[in-house]
Protein backbone atom coordinates (compact mmCIF):
# COMPACT_ATOMS: atom_id res chain seq x y z
CA MET A 1 -12.69 -10.51 -9.95
CA THR A 2 -10.32 -9.81 -7.44
CA ASP A 3 -7.25 -7.92 -8.96
CA ASP A 4 -4.16 -8.38 -6.98
CA ILE A 5 -3.04 -5.28 -6.33
CA GLU A 6 -0.55 -6.47 -3.29
CA GLY A 7 1.20 -8.98 -5.61
CA ALA A 8 2.01 -5.97 -8.65
CA VAL A 9 3.31 -3.64 -6.00
CA LYS A 10 4.93 -6.52 -3.98
CA SER A 11 6.66 -7.81 -7.87
CA PHE A 12 7.28 -4.22 -8.63
CA ILE A 13 9.02 -3.51 -5.67
CA LEU A 14 10.97 -6.40 -5.40
CA LYS A 15 12.61 -6.21 -9.21
CA GLU A 16 13.56 -2.36 -8.94
CA PHE A 17 14.66 -1.85 -5.66
CA LEU A 18 15.50 -5.57 -3.80
CA PRO A 19 16.83 -7.42 -6.44
CA GLY A 20 17.60 -10.91 -5.13
CA GLU A 21 16.19 -10.08 -2.33
CA ASP A 22 14.15 -13.53 -0.39
CA PRO A 23 10.79 -12.38 -1.33
CA ALA A 24 9.45 -13.88 2.10
CA GLU A 25 10.87 -11.12 3.80
CA LEU A 26 8.56 -8.13 1.78
CA THR A 27 5.29 -8.64 3.54
CA ASP A 28 2.40 -6.42 3.43
CA ALA A 29 3.48 -4.49 6.51
CA THR A 30 7.01 -3.73 6.24
CA PRO A 31 7.59 -0.77 6.11
CA LEU A 32 8.76 0.88 2.86
CA ILE A 33 9.58 4.59 3.53
CA THR A 34 9.83 4.56 7.09
CA GLY A 35 12.10 1.15 7.04
CA GLY A 36 14.37 2.65 4.33
CA VAL A 37 13.11 0.41 1.34
CA LEU A 38 12.40 3.52 -0.71
CA ASP A 39 14.00 6.56 -0.72
CA SER A 40 12.63 9.56 -2.55
CA ILE A 41 13.01 8.81 -5.84
CA ALA A 42 12.38 5.56 -5.04
CA THR A 43 8.96 6.24 -3.77
CA LEU A 44 8.36 8.60 -7.19
CA LYS A 45 8.99 5.39 -9.22
CA VAL A 46 6.20 3.46 -7.15
CA VAL A 47 3.79 6.29 -7.49
CA MET A 48 4.28 6.29 -11.66
CA PHE A 49 3.69 2.46 -11.70
CA ILE A 50 0.78 2.71 -9.44
CA GLU A 51 -0.49 5.34 -11.43
CA GLU A 52 0.19 3.51 -14.86
CA THR A 53 -0.98 0.25 -13.67
CA PHE A 54 -4.03 1.02 -11.94
CA GLY A 55 -5.23 4.21 -13.84
CA ILE A 56 -5.18 6.24 -11.05
CA SER A 57 -3.84 9.71 -9.98
CA LEU A 58 -2.02 10.29 -6.99
CA GLN A 59 -2.46 13.87 -5.37
CA ALA A 60 0.87 15.49 -3.56
CA HIS A 61 -0.66 14.83 0.03
CA GLU A 62 -1.15 11.51 -0.64
CA VAL A 63 2.13 10.36 -1.88
CA ASP A 64 3.81 10.08 1.70
CA SER A 65 4.53 7.66 4.37
CA GLU A 66 1.33 8.25 5.53
CA HIS A 67 -0.14 6.85 2.55
CA LEU A 68 3.03 4.52 0.57
CA ASP A 69 4.76 3.01 3.67
CA THR A 70 3.59 -0.76 3.19
CA ILE A 71 1.95 -2.48 0.88
CA ALA A 72 -1.21 -2.82 2.24
CA GLN A 73 -1.34 1.13 2.70
CA ILE A 74 -0.82 1.24 -1.07
CA ALA A 75 -3.30 -1.04 -2.09
CA GLN A 76 -5.59 0.28 0.61
CA LEU A 77 -5.16 3.61 -1.60
CA VAL A 78 -5.53 2.12 -4.71
CA ARG A 79 -8.53 0.38 -4.24
CA ALA A 80 -9.99 3.62 -2.66
CA LYS A 81 -8.52 5.64 -5.79
CA LYS A 82 -10.33 3.30 -7.83
CA SER A 83 -14.02 3.02 -6.33
C-alpha cells in the first residue's frame, strides 16, 4: 500500500493557504517557504498537520526551508521519519 503523502500535504496546503487557487499551479516542486506561500505561522501549521496526520515528530532543525520548502521535500522527510 502506498500512502499518498504528497496528495495529503498538497490538499492541506491548498485548503488552508491557497483557497481558490488552481491546484495545478501547486506542484511537488513549488517552493513553499522560499516562494512566499508559507510564512512562519503557516509553516508551523503544516508541521502540526504532518505530525498529526503521519504520526511522526519533527525536530526543530527539520522545520526549515531545507526540509519543508517543497511538497517533495516534505514527503521525503515523512518517509525518512516513518522508516
